[in-house]
């Protein structure tokens, strides 16, 4: 165990997390989980289920479901290939230092920085009442990252702004109270960082949209029949152009999904589909998706039903997260003058 800990501590540290709201979809898998698994041996990985972020819009939360959804996300982490011997998996709300550091960082973060955040502008415009949590949740995200002396944060293109805010907050704290917090960097995958909705290729695939529109996203628990049906209805165009550069957004989205699941280069994919119609493209996309997520689904249901194993993994992750985060929190409190 000590040897494993030493090996982890010698590697650059990665932090990332997913909200337990709704079932995870292939956009989450391509943009996050798949990246985590592919790079798992290169880093000391801290993967969190960010349930405190899930309550920023309380009207959308069913308290009875939230605990179960946390366990479902944890099971999906493991089913996708996150190895608890190589990575730390834990639940955000079970590590109090996240909330405590978030309050301290709130006290050094200008409101003007938060009001400029793109996601805040988008989400607040849809709410009748905007609560403080919705404005401040990027500071909680900064606390999540900074608590673990994170080197790299793997994010989608739309989350890059949050990493930049974390960097700004860390710099401001260090400027005010002395160098304490490590400045993280973002890591964005070159292809598949932004998977779009099947029904609207101009909108990012999201869990919230998937709840409202059945054909918006492919969920990681969808059956082969449902996957084929959803992809067959995906928006394309009347041009018949199957090209990464020239295709319409809907066709390009299908090609991107095929590329990330098949692992084939773009030129090879374009040559394969040359002269073939969208019907053939959709069938091929459906099959590469089905082939990759079928074993994930089998593992997922097996792990979800093995409650003792799942709880053991989360308890071990919590123990390590408490140890790491308390060191940083103690340093921050010392620097700012708190006992």
C-alpha atoms as a PDB file:
ATOM      1  CA  UNK A   1       0.000   0.000   0.000  1.00  0.00           C
ATOM      2  CA  UNK A   2       2.868   2.368   0.881  1.00  0.00           C
ATOM      3  CA  UNK A   3       4.602   1.508  -2.406  1.00  0.00           C
ATOM      4  CA  UNK A   4       1.385   2.308  -4.310  1.00  0.00           C
ATOM      5  CA  UNK A   5       1.016   5.627  -2.440  1.00  0.00           C
ATOM      6  CA  UNK A   6       4.635   6.580  -3.217  1.00  0.00           C
ATOM      7  CA  UNK A   7       4.137   5.814  -6.933  1.00  0.00           C
ATOM      8  CA  UNK A   8       0.962   7.929  -6.999  1.00  0.00           C
ATOM      9  CA  UNK A   9       2.589  10.878  -5.261  1.00  0.00           C
ATOM     10  CA  UNK A  10       5.510  10.892  -7.723  1.00  0.00           C
ATOM     11  CA  UNK A  11       3.215  11.349 -10.747  1.00  0.00           C
ATOM     12  CA  UNK A  12       1.554  14.584 -11.914  1.00  0.00           C
ATOM     13  CA  UNK A  13      -1.873  14.809 -10.288  1.00  0.00           C
ATOM     14  CA  UNK A  14      -5.143  14.946 -12.223  1.00  0.00           C
ATOM     15  CA  UNK A  15      -8.489  16.026 -10.771  1.00  0.00           C
ATOM     16  CA  UNK A  16     -11.891  15.793 -12.418  1.00  0.00           C
ATOM     17  CA  UNK A  17     -15.508  15.063 -11.543  1.00  0.00           C
ATOM     18  CA  UNK A  18     -19.038  14.484 -12.833  1.00  0.00           C
ATOM     19  CA  UNK A  19     -22.360  15.618 -11.403  1.00  0.00           C
ATOM     20  CA  UNK A  20     -24.783  12.839 -10.325  1.00  0.00           C
ATOM     21  CA  UNK A  21     -27.749  14.347 -12.156  1.00  0.00           C
ATOM     22  CA  UNK A  22     -29.316  12.062 -14.747  1.00  0.00           C
ATOM     23  CA  UNK A  23     -27.783   9.081 -16.543  1.00  0.00           C
ATOM     24  CA  UNK A  24     -24.371   9.613 -18.138  1.00  0.00           C
ATOM     25  CA  UNK A  25     -24.302   9.775 -21.942  1.00  0.00           C
ATOM     26  CA  UNK A  26     -21.678   9.200 -24.634  1.00  0.00           C
ATOM     27  CA  UNK A  27     -20.678  12.868 -24.483  1.00  0.00           C
ATOM     28  CA  UNK A  28     -19.657  12.346 -20.836  1.00  0.00           C
ATOM     29  CA  UNK A  29     -17.880   9.144 -21.837  1.00  0.00           C
ATOM     30  CA  UNK A  30     -15.961  10.593 -24.795  1.00  0.00           C
ATOM     31  CA  UNK A  31     -15.132  13.937 -23.211  1.00  0.00           C
ATOM     32  CA  UNK A  32     -14.323  12.681 -19.712  1.00  0.00           C
ATOM     33  CA  UNK A  33     -14.417   9.004 -18.732  1.00  0.00           C
ATOM     34  CA  UNK A  34     -12.651   7.667 -21.821  1.00  0.00           C
ATOM     35  CA  UNK A  35      -9.900  10.289 -21.448  1.00  0.00           C
ATOM     36  CA  UNK A  36      -9.464   9.412 -17.775  1.00  0.00           C
ATOM     37  CA  UNK A  37      -9.081   5.709 -18.523  1.00  0.00           C
ATOM     38  CA  UNK A  38      -6.688   6.236 -21.442  1.00  0.00           C
ATOM     39  CA  UNK A  39      -4.352   8.345 -19.276  1.00  0.00           C
ATOM     40  CA  UNK A  40      -4.815   6.500 -15.996  1.00  0.00           C
ATOM     41  CA  UNK A  41      -1.288   5.059 -15.822  1.00  0.00           C
ATOM     42  CA  UNK A  42       0.357   8.429 -16.470  1.00  0.00           C
ATOM     43  CA  UNK A  43      -1.045  10.341 -13.512  1.00  0.00           C
ATOM     44  CA  UNK A  44      -2.081  10.271  -9.875  1.00  0.00           C
ATOM     45  CA  UNK A  45      -5.825  10.460 -10.483  1.00  0.00           C
ATOM     46  CA  UNK A  46      -8.431  12.049  -8.199  1.00  0.00           C
ATOM     47  CA  UNK A  47     -11.952  11.466  -9.549  1.00  0.00           C
ATOM     48  CA  UNK A  48     -14.881  12.939  -7.651  1.00  0.00           C
ATOM     49  CA  UNK A  49     -18.661  12.617  -7.817  1.00  0.00           C
ATOM     50  CA  UNK A  50     -19.554  16.293  -7.360  1.00  0.00           C
ATOM     51  CA  UNK A  51     -22.903  16.071  -5.581  1.00  0.00           C
ATOM     52  CA  UNK A  52     -22.573  19.551  -4.034  1.00  0.00           C
ATOM     53  CA  UNK A  53     -22.584  20.981  -7.558  1.00  0.00           C
ATOM     54  CA  UNK A  54     -25.744  19.002  -8.287  1.00  0.00           C
ATOM     55  CA  UNK A  55     -27.807  21.049  -5.812  1.00  0.00           C
ATOM     56  CA  UNK A  56     -27.116  24.486  -7.340  1.00  0.00           C
ATOM     57  CA  UNK A  57     -30.563  24.280  -8.959  1.00  0.00           C
ATOM     58  CA  UNK A  58     -32.586  22.745  -6.086  1.00  0.00           C
ATOM     59  CA  UNK A  59     -35.830  22.698  -8.070  1.00  0.00           C
ATOM     60  CA  UNK A  60     -34.297  20.051 -10.342  1.00  0.00           C
ATOM     61  CA  UNK A  61     -33.255  17.742  -7.485  1.00  0.00           C
ATOM     62  CA  UNK A  62     -35.227  14.826  -6.077  1.00  0.00           C
ATOM     63  CA  UNK A  63     -33.608  14.224  -2.645  1.00  0.00           C
ATOM     64  CA  UNK A  64     -34.733  10.586  -2.629  1.00  0.00           C
ATOM     65  CA  UNK A  65     -32.905   9.917  -5.890  1.00  0.00           C
ATOM     66  CA  UNK A  66     -29.661  11.821  -5.283  1.00  0.00           C
ATOM     67  CA  UNK A  67     -27.896   9.189  -3.135  1.00  0.00           C
ATOM     68  CA  UNK A  68     -28.735   6.469  -5.635  1.00  0.00           C
ATOM     69  CA  UNK A  69     -27.533   8.627  -8.525  1.00  0.00           C
ATOM     70  CA  UNK A  70     -24.208   9.139  -6.717  1.00  0.00           C
ATOM     71  CA  UNK A  71     -23.756   5.366  -6.518  1.00  0.00           C
ATOM     72  CA  UNK A  72     -24.744   4.971 -10.167  1.00  0.00           C
ATOM     73  CA  UNK A  73     -22.062   7.440 -11.277  1.00  0.00           C
ATOM     74  CA  UNK A  74     -19.467   5.688  -9.112  1.00  0.00           C
ATOM     75  CA  UNK A  75     -20.433   2.339 -10.632  1.00  0.00           C
ATOM     76  CA  UNK A  76     -20.126   3.815 -14.124  1.00  0.00           C
ATOM     77  CA  UNK A  77     -16.661   5.181 -13.321  1.00  0.00           C
ATOM     78  CA  UNK A  78     -15.558   1.665 -12.415  1.00  0.00           C
ATOM     79  CA  UNK A  79     -17.364   0.001 -15.324  1.00  0.00           C
ATOM     80  CA  UNK A  80     -15.654   2.319 -17.814  1.00  0.00           C
ATOM     81  CA  UNK A  81     -12.265   1.197 -16.528  1.00  0.00           C
ATOM     82  CA  UNK A  82     -11.316   3.514 -13.673  1.00  0.00           C
ATOM     83  CA  UNK A  83      -9.164   1.285 -11.457  1.00  0.00           C
ATOM     84  CA  UNK A  84      -9.413   2.080  -7.713  1.00  0.00           C
ATOM     85  CA  UNK A  85      -5.850   0.748  -7.304  1.00  0.00           C
ATOM     86  CA  UNK A  86      -4.634   3.516  -9.628  1.00  0.00           C
ATOM     87  CA  UNK A  87      -7.225   6.225  -9.023  1.00  0.00           C
ATOM     88  CA  UNK A  88      -8.990   7.776  -6.036  1.00  0.00           C
ATOM     89  CA  UNK A  89     -12.802   7.782  -6.341  1.00  0.00           C
ATOM     90  CA  UNK A  90     -14.900   9.578  -3.727  1.00  0.00           C
ATOM     91  CA  UNK A  91     -18.060  11.621  -3.081  1.00  0.00           C
ATOM     92  CA  UNK A  92     -17.514  15.384  -2.803  1.00  0.00           C
ATOM     93  CA  UNK A  93     -19.949  16.055   0.066  1.00  0.00           C
ATOM     94  CA  UNK A  94     -18.242  13.429   2.247  1.00  0.00           C
ATOM     95  CA  UNK A  95     -15.042  15.532   2.318  1.00  0.00           C
ATOM     96  CA  UNK A  96     -15.901  18.742   4.257  1.00  0.00           C
ATOM     97  CA  UNK A  97     -12.738  20.581   3.183  1.00  0.00           C
ATOM     98  CA  UNK A  98     -14.333  21.234  -0.228  1.00  0.00           C
ATOM     99  CA  UNK A  99     -17.024  23.443   1.325  1.00  0.00           C
ATOM    100  CA  UNK A 100     -14.626  25.058   3.786  1.00  0.00           C
ATOM    101  CA  UNK A 101     -12.047  26.037   1.178  1.00  0.00           C
ATOM    102  CA  UNK A 102     -14.824  27.248  -1.133  1.00  0.00           C
ATOM    103  CA  UNK A 103     -15.929  29.752   1.538  1.00  0.00           C
ATOM    104  CA  UNK A 104     -12.394  31.014   2.040  1.00  0.00           C
ATOM    105  CA  UNK A 105     -11.901  31.399  -1.730  1.00  0.00           C
ATOM    106  CA  UNK A 106     -15.260  33.179  -2.025  1.00  0.00           C
ATOM    107  CA  UNK A 107     -13.813  35.830   0.246  1.00  0.00           C
ATOM    108  CA  UNK A 108     -10.983  36.594  -2.196  1.00  0.00           C
ATOM    109  CA  UNK A 109     -12.962  36.237  -5.456  1.00  0.00           C
ATOM    110  CA  UNK A 110     -14.429  39.422  -7.027  1.00  0.00           C
ATOM    111  CA  UNK A 111     -18.122  39.108  -7.910  1.00  0.00           C
ATOM    112  CA  UNK A 112     -17.362  40.597 -11.337  1.00  0.00           C
ATOM    113  CA  UNK A 113     -15.300  37.501 -12.170  1.00  0.00           C
ATOM    114  CA  UNK A 114     -18.264  35.231 -11.418  1.00  0.00           C
ATOM    115  CA  UNK A 115     -20.799  37.331 -13.299  1.00  0.00           C
ATOM    116  CA  UNK A 116     -18.705  36.950 -16.471  1.00  0.00           C
ATOM    117  CA  UNK A 117     -18.851  33.149 -16.426  1.00  0.00           C
ATOM    118  CA  UNK A 118     -20.542  31.836 -19.571  1.00  0.00           C
ATOM    119  CA  UNK A 119     -22.423  29.008 -17.866  1.00  0.00           C
ATOM    120  CA  UNK A 120     -23.737  31.335 -15.159  1.00  0.00           C
ATOM    121  CA  UNK A 121     -25.142  33.673 -17.803  1.00  0.00           C
ATOM    122  CA  UNK A 122     -26.751  30.749 -19.618  1.00  0.00           C
ATOM    123  CA  UNK A 123     -28.246  29.015 -16.565  1.00  0.00           C
ATOM    124  CA  UNK A 124     -29.320  32.131 -14.667  1.00  0.00           C
ATOM    125  CA  UNK A 125     -31.260  33.351 -17.699  1.00  0.00           C
ATOM    126  CA  UNK A 126     -33.463  30.252 -17.460  1.00  0.00           C
ATOM    127  CA  UNK A 127     -34.245  30.640 -13.725  1.00  0.00           C
ATOM    128  CA  UNK A 128     -37.038  32.699 -12.166  1.00  0.00           C
ATOM    129  CA  UNK A 129     -34.937  33.034  -9.016  1.00  0.00           C
ATOM    130  CA  UNK A 130     -31.144  32.934  -9.168  1.00  0.00           C
ATOM    131  CA  UNK A 131     -29.605  31.612  -5.947  1.00  0.00           C
ATOM    132  CA  UNK A 132     -26.137  32.405  -4.602  1.00  0.00           C
ATOM    133  CA  UNK A 133     -24.984  28.826  -5.205  1.00  0.00           C
ATOM    134  CA  UNK A 134     -25.450  29.187  -8.951  1.00  0.00           C
ATOM    135  CA  UNK A 135     -23.252  32.291  -8.944  1.00  0.00           C
ATOM    136  CA  UNK A 136     -20.638  30.820  -6.607  1.00  0.00           C
ATOM    137  CA  UNK A 137     -20.372  27.251  -7.861  1.00  0.00           C
ATOM    138  CA  UNK A 138     -17.278  28.055 -10.003  1.00  0.00           C
ATOM    139  CA  UNK A 139     -15.533  28.925  -6.727  1.00  0.00           C
ATOM    140  CA  UNK A 140     -16.497  25.521  -5.337  1.00  0.00           C
ATOM    141  CA  UNK A 141     -15.087  24.023  -8.528  1.00  0.00           C
ATOM    142  CA  UNK A 142     -11.868  25.958  -7.912  1.00  0.00           C
ATOM    143  CA  UNK A 143     -11.761  24.577  -4.371  1.00  0.00           C
ATOM    144  CA  UNK A 144     -12.239  21.039  -5.735  1.00  0.00           C
ATOM    145  CA  UNK A 145      -9.221  21.472  -7.981  1.00  0.00           C
ATOM    146  CA  UNK A 146      -6.927  23.431  -5.675  1.00  0.00           C
ATOM    147  CA  UNK A 147      -7.454  21.174  -2.638  1.00  0.00           C
ATOM    148  CA  UNK A 148      -5.426  18.384  -4.223  1.00  0.00           C
ATOM    149  CA  UNK A 149      -2.463  20.391  -5.553  1.00  0.00           C
ATOM    150  CA  UNK A 150      -3.740  19.451  -8.997  1.00  0.00           C
ATOM    151  CA  UNK A 151      -1.383  19.677 -11.958  1.00  0.00           C
ATOM    152  CA  UNK A 152      -3.847  18.880 -14.764  1.00  0.00           C
ATOM    153  CA  UNK A 153      -7.631  19.173 -15.136  1.00  0.00           C
ATOM    154  CA  UNK A 154      -9.084  17.227 -18.104  1.00  0.00           C
ATOM    155  CA  UNK A 155     -12.139  19.187 -19.273  1.00  0.00           C
ATOM    156  CA  UNK A 156     -14.358  19.783 -22.260  1.00  0.00           C
ATOM    157  CA  UNK A 157     -13.984  22.996 -24.238  1.00  0.00           C
ATOM    158  CA  UNK A 158     -16.958  24.551 -22.414  1.00  0.00           C
ATOM    159  CA  UNK A 159     -15.332  23.989 -19.002  1.00  0.00           C
ATOM    160  CA  UNK A 160     -11.974  25.552 -19.863  1.00  0.00           C
ATOM    161  CA  UNK A 161     -13.173  28.913 -18.525  1.00  0.00           C
ATOM    162  CA  UNK A 162     -13.670  27.347 -15.085  1.00  0.00           C
ATOM    163  CA  UNK A 163     -10.082  26.112 -14.980  1.00  0.00           C
ATOM    164  CA  UNK A 164      -8.892  29.594 -15.949  1.00  0.00           C
ATOM    165  CA  UNK A 165     -10.965  31.024 -13.089  1.00  0.00           C
ATOM    166  CA  UNK A 166      -9.372  28.497 -10.710  1.00  0.00           C
ATOM    167  CA  UNK A 167      -5.951  29.703 -11.860  1.00  0.00           C
ATOM    168  CA  UNK A 168      -6.950  33.349 -11.323  1.00  0.00           C
ATOM    169  CA  UNK A 169      -8.322  32.640  -7.838  1.00  0.00           C
ATOM    170  CA  UNK A 170      -5.175  30.741  -6.853  1.00  0.00           C
ATOM    171  CA  UNK A 171      -2.966  33.575  -8.106  1.00  0.00           C
ATOM    172  CA  UNK A 172      -5.032  36.162  -6.211  1.00  0.00           C
ATOM    173  CA  UNK A 173      -4.834  34.157  -2.973  1.00  0.00           C
ATOM    174  CA  UNK A 174      -1.084  33.665  -3.407  1.00  0.00           C
ATOM    175  CA  UNK A 175      -0.623  37.379  -4.097  1.00  0.00           C
ATOM    176  CA  UNK A 176      -2.571  38.372  -0.986  1.00  0.00           C
ATOM    177  CA  UNK A 177      -1.259  35.800   1.490  1.00  0.00           C
ATOM    178  CA  UNK A 178       1.881  34.224   0.050  1.00  0.00           C
ATOM    179  CA  UNK A 179       2.436  31.300  -2.304  1.00  0.00           C
ATOM    180  CA  UNK A 180       0.198  28.489  -1.058  1.00  0.00           C
ATOM    181  CA  UNK A 181      -1.914  27.122  -3.902  1.00  0.00           C
ATOM    182  CA  UNK A 182      -0.604  25.288  -6.963  1.00  0.00           C
ATOM    183  CA  UNK A 183      -1.653  26.725 -10.358  1.00  0.00           C
ATOM    184  CA  UNK A 184      -3.356  23.973 -12.418  1.00  0.00           C
ATOM    185  CA  UNK A 185      -3.492  23.532 -16.195  1.00  0.00           C
ATOM    186  CA  UNK A 186      -6.365  22.271 -18.351  1.00  0.00           C
ATOM    187  CA  UNK A 187      -6.157  19.275 -20.705  1.00  0.00           C
ATOM    188  CA  UNK A 188      -8.629  19.105 -23.600  1.00  0.00           C
ATOM    189  CA  UNK A 189      -8.759  16.146 -25.962  1.00  0.00           C
ATOM    190  CA  UNK A 190      -8.168  17.027 -29.604  1.00  0.00           C
ATOM    191  CA  UNK A 191     -11.160  15.104 -30.958  1.00  0.00           C
ATOM    192  CA  UNK A 192     -14.498  14.545 -29.260  1.00  0.00           C
ATOM    193  CA  UNK A 193     -14.081  17.239 -26.634  1.00  0.00           C
ATOM    194  CA  UNK A 194     -17.533  18.560 -27.543  1.00  0.00           C
ATOM    195  CA  UNK A 195     -20.132  15.995 -28.662  1.00  0.00           C
ATOM    196  CA  UNK A 196     -23.331  17.631 -29.859  1.00  0.00           C
ATOM    197  CA  UNK A 197     -26.987  16.615 -29.505  1.00  0.00           C
ATOM    198  CA  UNK A 198     -28.348  14.180 -32.082  1.00  0.00           C
ATOM    199  CA  UNK A 199     -31.525  16.257 -32.401  1.00  0.00           C
ATOM    200  CA  UNK A 200     -29.698  19.597 -32.466  1.00  0.00           C
ATOM    201  CA  UNK A 201     -26.052  19.496 -33.594  1.00  0.00           C
ATOM    202  CA  UNK A 202     -25.611  23.131 -32.583  1.00  0.00           C
ATOM    203  CA  UNK A 203     -26.245  22.287 -28.897  1.00  0.00           C
ATOM    204  CA  UNK A 204     -23.815  20.335 -26.734  1.00  0.00           C
ATOM    205  CA  UNK A 205     -25.093  16.903 -25.689  1.00  0.00           C
ATOM    206  CA  UNK A 206     -26.300  17.300 -22.114  1.00  0.00           C
ATOM    207  CA  UNK A 207     -28.053  15.321 -19.401  1.00  0.00           C
ATOM    208  CA  UNK A 208     -30.633  18.054 -18.807  1.00  0.00           C
ATOM    209  CA  UNK A 209     -31.613  18.173 -22.492  1.00  0.00           C
ATOM    210  CA  UNK A 210     -31.737  14.361 -22.604  1.00  0.00           C
ATOM    211  CA  UNK A 211     -34.354  14.368 -19.829  1.00  0.00           C
ATOM    212  CA  UNK A 212     -36.612  16.635 -21.911  1.00  0.00           C
ATOM    213  CA  UNK A 213     -35.929  15.125 -25.365  1.00  0.00           C
ATOM    214  CA  UNK A 214     -35.704  11.370 -25.780  1.00  0.00           C
ATOM    215  CA  UNK A 215     -33.689  11.492 -29.023  1.00  0.00           C
ATOM    216  CA  UNK A 216     -31.161  14.090 -27.869  1.00  0.00           C
ATOM    217  CA  UNK A 217     -28.454  11.801 -26.453  1.00  0.00           C
ATOM    218  CA  UNK A 218     -27.239   8.220 -26.339  1.00  0.00           C
ATOM    219  CA  UNK A 219     -27.162   7.179 -22.709  1.00  0.00           C
ATOM    220  CA  UNK A 220     -24.512   4.716 -21.547  1.00  0.00           C
ATOM    221  CA  UNK A 221     -27.292   2.391 -20.367  1.00  0.00           C
ATOM    222  CA  UNK A 222     -29.277   2.438 -23.642  1.00  0.00           C
ATOM    223  CA  UNK A 223     -29.965  -0.933 -25.276  1.00  0.00           C
ATOM    224  CA  UNK A 224     -28.622  -1.660 -28.810  1.00  0.00           C
ATOM    225  CA  UNK A 225     -32.131  -1.252 -30.214  1.00  0.00           C
ATOM    226  CA  UNK A 226     -32.562   2.181 -28.636  1.00  0.00           C
ATOM    227  CA  UNK A 227     -29.089   3.284 -29.789  1.00  0.00           C
ATOM    228  CA  UNK A 228     -29.834   2.300 -33.386  1.00  0.00           C
ATOM    229  CA  UNK A 229     -33.197   4.054 -33.260  1.00  0.00           C
ATOM    230  CA  UNK A 230     -31.767   7.293 -31.827  1.00  0.00           C
ATOM    231  CA  UNK A 231     -28.902   7.479 -34.315  1.00  0.00           C
ATOM    232  CA  UNK A 232     -31.231   6.698 -37.231  1.00  0.00           C
ATOM    233  CA  UNK A 233     -33.148   9.864 -36.299  1.00  0.00           C
ATOM    234  CA  UNK A 234     -30.026  12.045 -35.941  1.00  0.00           C
ATOM    235  CA  UNK A 235     -30.166  15.343 -37.812  1.00  0.00           C
ATOM    236  CA  UNK A 236     -28.139  15.439 -41.049  1.00  0.00           C
ATOM    237  CA  UNK A 237     -28.850  17.416 -44.249  1.00  0.00           C
ATOM    238  CA  UNK A 238     -29.711  16.993 -47.930  1.00  0.00           C
ATOM    239  CA  UNK A 239     -26.165  17.441 -49.284  1.00  0.00           C
ATOM    240  CA  UNK A 240     -24.819  13.915 -48.946  1.00  0.00           C
ATOM    241  CA  UNK A 241     -21.339  15.235 -48.058  1.00  0.00           C
ATOM    242  CA  UNK A 242     -19.467  12.922 -45.668  1.00  0.00           C
ATOM    243  CA  UNK A 243     -16.392  14.933 -44.760  1.00  0.00           C
ATOM    244  CA  UNK A 244     -15.003  16.297 -41.503  1.00  0.00           C
ATOM    245  CA  UNK A 245     -14.258  19.670 -43.109  1.00  0.00           C
ATOM    246  CA  UNK A 246     -17.192  20.124 -45.488  1.00  0.00           C
ATOM    247  CA  UNK A 247     -20.047  18.316 -43.760  1.00  0.00           C
ATOM    248  CA  UNK A 248     -22.917  20.014 -41.974  1.00  0.00           C
ATOM    249  CA  UNK A 249     -22.806  20.095 -38.135  1.00  0.00           C
ATOM    250  CA  UNK A 250     -25.042  17.019 -37.791  1.00  0.00           C
ATOM    251  CA  UNK A 251     -22.950  14.869 -40.137  1.00  0.00           C
ATOM    252  CA  UNK A 252     -19.693  16.084 -38.616  1.00  0.00           C
ATOM    253  CA  UNK A 253     -21.026  15.155 -35.180  1.00  0.00           C
ATOM    254  CA  UNK A 254     -21.725  11.591 -36.361  1.00  0.00           C
ATOM    255  CA  UNK A 255     -18.249  11.383 -37.901  1.00  0.00           C
ATOM    256  CA  UNK A 256     -16.678  12.623 -34.665  1.00  0.00           C
ATOM    257  CA  UNK A 257     -18.560   9.984 -32.682  1.00  0.00           C
ATOM    258  CA  UNK A 258     -17.352   7.325 -35.121  1.00  0.00           C
ATOM    259  CA  UNK A 259     -13.780   8.600 -34.908  1.00  0.00           C
ATOM    260  CA  UNK A 260     -13.632   8.562 -31.110  1.00  0.00           C
ATOM    261  CA  UNK A 261     -15.226   5.123 -30.780  1.00  0.00           C
ATOM    262  CA  UNK A 262     -13.411   3.431 -33.668  1.00  0.00           C
ATOM    263  CA  UNK A 263     -10.028   5.050 -33.050  1.00  0.00           C
ATOM    264  CA  UNK A 264      -9.471   5.370 -36.812  1.00  0.00           C
ATOM    265  CA  UNK A 265      -7.872   8.474 -38.402  1.00  0.00           C
ATOM    266  CA  UNK A 266     -10.109  11.000 -40.150  1.00  0.00           C
ATOM    267  CA  UNK A 267      -8.754  10.342 -43.665  1.00  0.00           C
ATOM    268  CA  UNK A 268      -9.397   6.608 -43.339  1.00  0.00           C
ATOM    269  CA  UNK A 269     -12.929   7.269 -42.123  1.00  0.00           C
ATOM    270  CA  UNK A 270     -13.663   9.666 -44.983  1.00  0.00           C
ATOM    271  CA  UNK A 271     -12.349   7.149 -47.521  1.00  0.00           C
ATOM    272  CA  UNK A 272     -14.453   4.369 -46.003  1.00  0.00           C
ATOM    273  CA  UNK A 273     -17.673   6.396 -46.243  1.00  0.00           C
ATOM    274  CA  UNK A 274     -16.900   7.965 -49.627  1.00  0.00           C
ATOM    275  CA  UNK A 275     -19.848   7.549 -52.007  1.00  0.00           C
ATOM    276  CA  UNK A 276     -22.059   5.990 -49.351  1.00  0.00           C
ATOM    277  CA  UNK A 277     -25.206   7.547 -47.960  1.00  0.00           C
ATOM    278  CA  UNK A 278     -26.165   8.835 -44.545  1.00  0.00           C
ATOM    279  CA  UNK A 279     -28.151   5.679 -43.836  1.00  0.00           C
ATOM    280  CA  UNK A 280     -24.965   3.612 -44.061  1.00  0.00           C
ATOM    281  CA  UNK A 281     -23.077   6.176 -41.959  1.00  0.00           C
ATOM    282  CA  UNK A 282     -25.696   6.015 -39.205  1.00  0.00           C
ATOM    283  CA  UNK A 283     -25.684   2.214 -39.138  1.00  0.00           C
ATOM    284  CA  UNK A 284     -21.897   2.126 -38.835  1.00  0.00           C
ATOM    285  CA  UNK A 285     -21.875   4.774 -36.091  1.00  0.00           C
ATOM    286  CA  UNK A 286     -24.486   2.828 -34.144  1.00  0.00           C
ATOM    287  CA  UNK A 287     -22.462  -0.391 -34.338  1.00  0.00           C
ATOM    288  CA  UNK A 288     -19.150   1.110 -33.142  1.00  0.00           C
ATOM    289  CA  UNK A 289     -20.977   2.708 -30.207  1.00  0.00           C
ATOM    290  CA  UNK A 290     -22.811  -0.515 -29.318  1.00  0.00           C
ATOM    291  CA  UNK A 291     -19.634  -2.616 -29.535  1.00  0.00           C
ATOM    292  CA  UNK A 292     -17.748  -0.378 -27.120  1.00  0.00           C
ATOM    293  CA  UNK A 293     -20.407   0.255 -24.500  1.00  0.00           C
ATOM    294  CA  UNK A 294     -21.848  -3.284 -24.353  1.00  0.00           C
ATOM    295  CA  UNK A 295     -19.082  -4.606 -22.023  1.00  0.00           C
ATOM    296  CA  UNK A 296     -19.291  -1.376 -20.019  1.00  0.00           C
ATOM    297  CA  UNK A 297     -23.000  -1.962 -19.430  1.00  0.00           C
ATOM    298  CA  UNK A 298     -22.388  -5.543 -18.290  1.00  0.00           C
ATOM    299  CA  UNK A 299     -19.789  -4.389 -15.742  1.00  0.00           C
ATOM    300  CA  UNK A 300     -21.963  -1.473 -14.652  1.00  0.00           C
ATOM    301  CA  UNK A 301     -24.941  -3.564 -13.605  1.00  0.00           C
ATOM    302  CA  UNK A 302     -22.682  -6.112 -11.942  1.00  0.00           C
ATOM    303  CA  UNK A 303     -20.907  -3.424  -9.869  1.00  0.00           C
ATOM    304  CA  UNK A 304     -24.133  -1.551  -9.049  1.00  0.00           C
ATOM    305  CA  UNK A 305     -25.567  -4.736  -7.571  1.00  0.00           C
ATOM    306  CA  UNK A 306     -22.412  -5.402  -5.527  1.00  0.00           C
ATOM    307  CA  UNK A 307     -23.080  -2.762  -2.861  1.00  0.00           C
ATOM    308  CA  UNK A 308     -20.345  -3.880  -0.403  1.00  0.00           C
ATOM    309  CA  UNK A 309     -17.676  -3.548  -3.102  1.00  0.00           C
ATOM    310  CA  UNK A 310     -18.946  -0.158  -4.257  1.00  0.00           C
ATOM    311  CA  UNK A 311     -19.063   1.205  -0.710  1.00  0.00           C
ATOM    312  CA  UNK A 312     -15.566  -0.132  -0.008  1.00  0.00           C
ATOM    313  CA  UNK A 313     -14.158   1.700  -3.052  1.00  0.00           C
ATOM    314  CA  UNK A 314     -15.843   4.967  -2.050  1.00  0.00           C
ATOM    315  CA  UNK A 315     -14.721   4.641   1.580  1.00  0.00           C
ATOM    316  CA  UNK A 316     -11.106   4.057   0.540  1.00  0.00           C
ATOM    317  CA  UNK A 317     -11.304   7.028  -1.824  1.00  0.00           C
ATOM    318  CA  UNK A 318     -12.798   9.209   0.888  1.00  0.00           C
ATOM    319  CA  UNK A 319      -9.985   8.289   3.283  1.00  0.00           C
ATOM    320  CA  UNK A 320      -7.270   9.358   0.832  1.00  0.00           C
ATOM    321  CA  UNK A 321      -9.162  12.488  -0.242  1.00  0.00           C
ATOM    322  CA  UNK A 322      -9.515  13.573   3.403  1.00  0.00           C
ATOM    323  CA  UNK A 323      -5.789  13.130   3.985  1.00  0.00           C
ATOM    324  CA  UNK A 324      -4.710  15.051   0.892  1.00  0.00           C
ATOM    325  CA  UNK A 325      -7.258  17.863   1.130  1.00  0.00           C
ATOM    326  CA  UNK A 326      -6.716  18.507   4.847  1.00  0.00           C
ATOM    327  CA  UNK A 327      -3.034  19.264   4.216  1.00  0.00           C
ATOM    328  CA  UNK A 328      -3.860  22.005   1.697  1.00  0.00           C
ATOM    329  CA  UNK A 329      -6.736  23.378   3.767  1.00  0.00           C
ATOM    330  CA  UNK A 330      -4.508  23.589   6.855  1.00  0.00           C
ATOM    331  CA  UNK A 331      -1.864  25.501   4.868  1.00  0.00           C
ATOM    332  CA  UNK A 332      -4.476  27.904   3.506  1.00  0.00           C
ATOM    333  CA  UNK A 333      -5.913  28.550   6.966  1.00  0.00           C
ATOM    334  CA  UNK A 334      -2.454  29.145   8.412  1.00  0.00           C
ATOM    335  CA  UNK A 335      -1.623  31.628   5.664  1.00  0.00           C
ATOM    336  CA  UNK A 336      -4.845  33.589   6.122  1.00  0.00           C
ATOM    337  CA  UNK A 337      -4.630  33.582   9.918  1.00  0.00           C
ATOM    338  CA  UNK A 338      -7.350  31.069  10.805  1.00  0.00           C
ATOM    339  CA  UNK A 339      -6.686  28.553  13.569  1.00  0.00           C
END
